[in-house]
Amino acid sequence: MANDPAALLARVRRAAKGTPYTVTATAAGFELVAEVSSPPGARGRRRREVLTHRVALDAVTGTYRVTDSRAPVPGAAEESGDSRSLLAGFGRRPDSAEQVGTDGHRIVDDAAAALGWTRLRSPLERPGVVLVALLGFCVLLLVVALVLLL
């Protein structure tokens, strides 16, 4: 079943109105671009960045893939942040500027689901695969340590 990329693009454009995102058509699909604050650095400082969600569409299979990239805004001044320690930073909720990144995925996913598109994800995006890989590595280290000790 073939899906209409133009219909998906139109739906994403409607959903992105009133958000910091601009939507631009590309040869492979479209891009959502927004200017956001970077995650805080070691001293809690932030820089302005351009966050881009590149959406590649395959109309024949009705699938799409989202790839994210961040690039610093040229000439943007560093914003001072709070001077929290590394330990005090754990458990903090994301600020609204950081929330923009998750909004872009939600906009695309909701529009695509309404039109019957399916998102393709990299295996590395799946937490279960990452967890199994980490556990396997730990077991391997344990076996090597036991062999060396015996």
Protein backbone atom coordinates (compact mmCIF):
# COMPACT_ATOMS: atom_id res chain seq x y z
CA MET A 1 0.00 0.00 0.00
CA ALA A 2 1.45 3.35 -1.02
CA ASN A 3 1.17 6.29 1.34
CA ASP A 4 1.10 9.93 0.33
CA PRO A 5 4.17 11.86 1.55
CA ALA A 6 2.48 15.17 0.72
CA ALA A 7 -0.41 14.37 3.07
CA LEU A 8 2.02 13.53 5.88
CA LEU A 9 4.00 16.72 5.26
CA ALA A 10 0.80 18.81 5.33
CA ARG A 11 -0.32 17.19 8.59
CA VAL A 12 3.10 17.77 10.20
CA ARG A 13 3.05 21.42 9.08
CA ARG A 14 -0.39 21.90 10.69
CA ALA A 15 0.77 20.21 13.90
CA ALA A 16 3.96 22.30 14.05
CA LYS A 17 2.09 25.64 13.90
CA GLY A 18 2.51 27.50 17.16
CA THR A 19 5.68 25.57 18.07
CA PRO A 20 9.31 26.66 17.68
CA TYR A 21 9.66 24.30 14.70
CA THR A 22 9.84 25.20 11.04
CA VAL A 23 9.05 22.42 8.58
CA THR A 24 10.89 22.19 5.26
CA ALA A 25 10.38 19.64 2.49
CA THR A 26 13.46 17.73 1.31
CA ALA A 27 14.08 15.23 -1.48
CA ALA A 28 13.93 12.32 0.99
CA GLY A 29 11.04 13.64 3.10
CA PHE A 30 11.17 16.71 5.34
CA GLU A 31 12.98 18.39 8.23
CA LEU A 32 11.76 19.97 11.46
CA VAL A 33 14.20 22.63 12.68
CA ALA A 34 14.15 24.61 15.95
CA GLU A 35 16.63 26.73 17.88
CA VAL A 36 17.03 25.37 21.42
CA SER A 37 19.34 25.66 24.42
CA SER A 38 21.96 22.95 24.74
CA PRO A 39 21.97 20.65 27.76
CA PRO A 40 23.92 22.26 30.61
CA GLY A 41 27.68 21.81 30.57
CA ALA A 42 29.96 21.18 33.53
CA ARG A 43 29.32 24.65 34.96
CA GLY A 44 25.65 24.68 34.12
CA ARG A 45 26.15 26.93 31.11
CA ARG A 46 24.18 26.53 27.92
CA ARG A 47 24.64 27.50 24.29
CA ARG A 48 22.03 28.09 21.62
CA GLU A 49 21.85 25.19 19.15
CA VAL A 50 19.92 24.32 16.02
CA LEU A 51 18.07 21.05 16.56
CA THR A 52 17.15 19.27 13.32
CA HIS A 53 14.91 16.22 12.97
CA ARG A 54 15.45 14.76 9.48
CA VAL A 55 12.56 12.54 8.43
CA ALA A 56 13.20 10.12 5.55
CA LEU A 57 10.06 8.67 3.99
CA ASP A 58 9.53 5.44 2.05
CA ALA A 59 6.11 5.80 0.45
CA VAL A 60 6.11 2.28 -1.01
CA THR A 61 6.42 0.56 2.37
CA GLY A 62 4.73 3.34 4.36
CA THR A 63 7.69 3.70 6.71
CA TYR A 64 9.76 6.60 7.95
CA ARG A 65 12.98 7.12 9.92
CA VAL A 66 13.88 10.13 12.10
CA THR A 67 17.50 11.22 12.52
CA ASP A 68 18.39 14.02 14.94
CA SER A 69 21.32 16.40 14.81
CA ARG A 70 22.42 19.41 16.86
CA ALA A 71 24.72 22.20 15.70
CA PRO A 72 25.81 25.30 17.61
CA VAL A 73 24.35 28.61 16.46
CA PRO A 74 27.28 30.57 15.01
CA GLY A 75 28.17 33.56 17.17
CA ALA A 76 25.70 32.69 19.91
CA ALA A 77 26.82 33.76 23.37
CA GLU A 78 27.05 31.22 26.16
CA GLU A 79 24.16 31.56 28.61
CA SER A 80 25.05 31.44 32.27
CA GLY A 81 23.39 28.68 34.20
CA ASP A 82 23.06 27.64 37.78
CA SER A 83 26.23 26.48 39.48
CA ARG A 84 25.00 23.12 40.64
CA SER A 85 27.33 20.22 41.23
CA LEU A 86 27.27 17.03 39.23
CA LEU A 87 25.52 15.18 42.06
CA ALA A 88 22.92 17.89 42.54
CA GLY A 89 22.07 17.70 38.84
CA PHE A 90 20.80 14.12 38.99
CA GLY A 91 17.05 13.69 39.02
CA ARG A 92 16.33 17.14 37.58
CA ARG A 93 13.45 17.45 35.17
CA PRO A 94 14.27 18.82 31.72
CA ASP A 95 13.71 22.52 31.20
CA SER A 96 11.14 23.64 28.66
CA ALA A 97 13.88 24.49 26.13
CA GLU A 98 15.10 20.88 26.25
CA GLN A 99 11.54 19.60 25.91
CA VAL A 100 11.43 20.93 22.34
CA GLY A 101 13.38 17.89 21.12
CA THR A 102 10.76 15.44 22.34
CA ASP A 103 7.97 17.60 20.91
CA GLY A 104 9.42 17.20 17.40
CA HIS A 105 9.27 13.42 17.63
CA ARG A 106 5.73 13.57 19.03
CA ILE A 107 4.58 15.86 16.19
CA VAL A 108 5.94 13.49 13.52
CA ASP A 109 4.84 10.28 15.26
CA ASP A 110 1.26 11.48 15.87
CA ALA A 111 0.83 12.74 12.30
CA ALA A 112 2.33 9.57 10.82
CA ALA A 113 0.23 7.24 13.00
CA ALA A 114 -2.96 9.02 11.96
CA LEU A 115 -2.12 8.33 8.30
CA GLY A 116 -0.94 4.74 8.78
CA TRP A 117 2.83 5.27 8.52
CA THR A 118 5.19 3.08 10.57
CA ARG A 119 8.39 4.37 12.19
CA LEU A 120 11.59 2.38 11.64
CA ARG A 121 13.91 2.49 14.63
CA SER A 122 17.53 1.59 14.96
CA PRO A 123 18.12 -1.43 17.20
CA LEU A 124 20.23 0.84 19.39
CA GLU A 125 17.14 2.91 20.16
CA ARG A 126 15.53 0.00 21.89
CA PRO A 127 16.44 -0.01 25.59
CA GLY A 128 16.12 -3.78 25.84
CA VAL A 129 18.86 -4.37 23.29
CA VAL A 130 21.16 -1.94 25.06
CA LEU A 131 20.46 -3.55 28.42
CA VAL A 132 21.17 -7.06 27.09
CA ALA A 133 24.41 -5.84 25.51
CA LEU A 134 25.54 -4.29 28.80
CA LEU A 135 24.66 -7.42 30.77
CA GLY A 136 26.47 -9.59 28.25
CA PHE A 137 29.57 -7.41 28.53
CA CYS A 138 29.45 -7.67 32.35
CA VAL A 139 29.17 -11.46 32.17
CA LEU A 140 32.10 -11.58 29.76
CA LEU A 141 34.21 -9.48 32.14
CA LEU A 142 33.27 -11.76 35.03
CA VAL A 143 34.24 -14.89 33.08
CA VAL A 144 37.58 -13.37 32.05
CA ALA A 145 38.30 -12.32 35.64
CA LEU A 146 37.49 -15.82 36.94
CA VAL A 147 39.70 -17.47 34.31
CA LEU A 148 42.60 -15.17 35.17
CA LEU A 149 42.21 -15.78 38.91
CA LEU A 150 42.06 -19.58 38.59
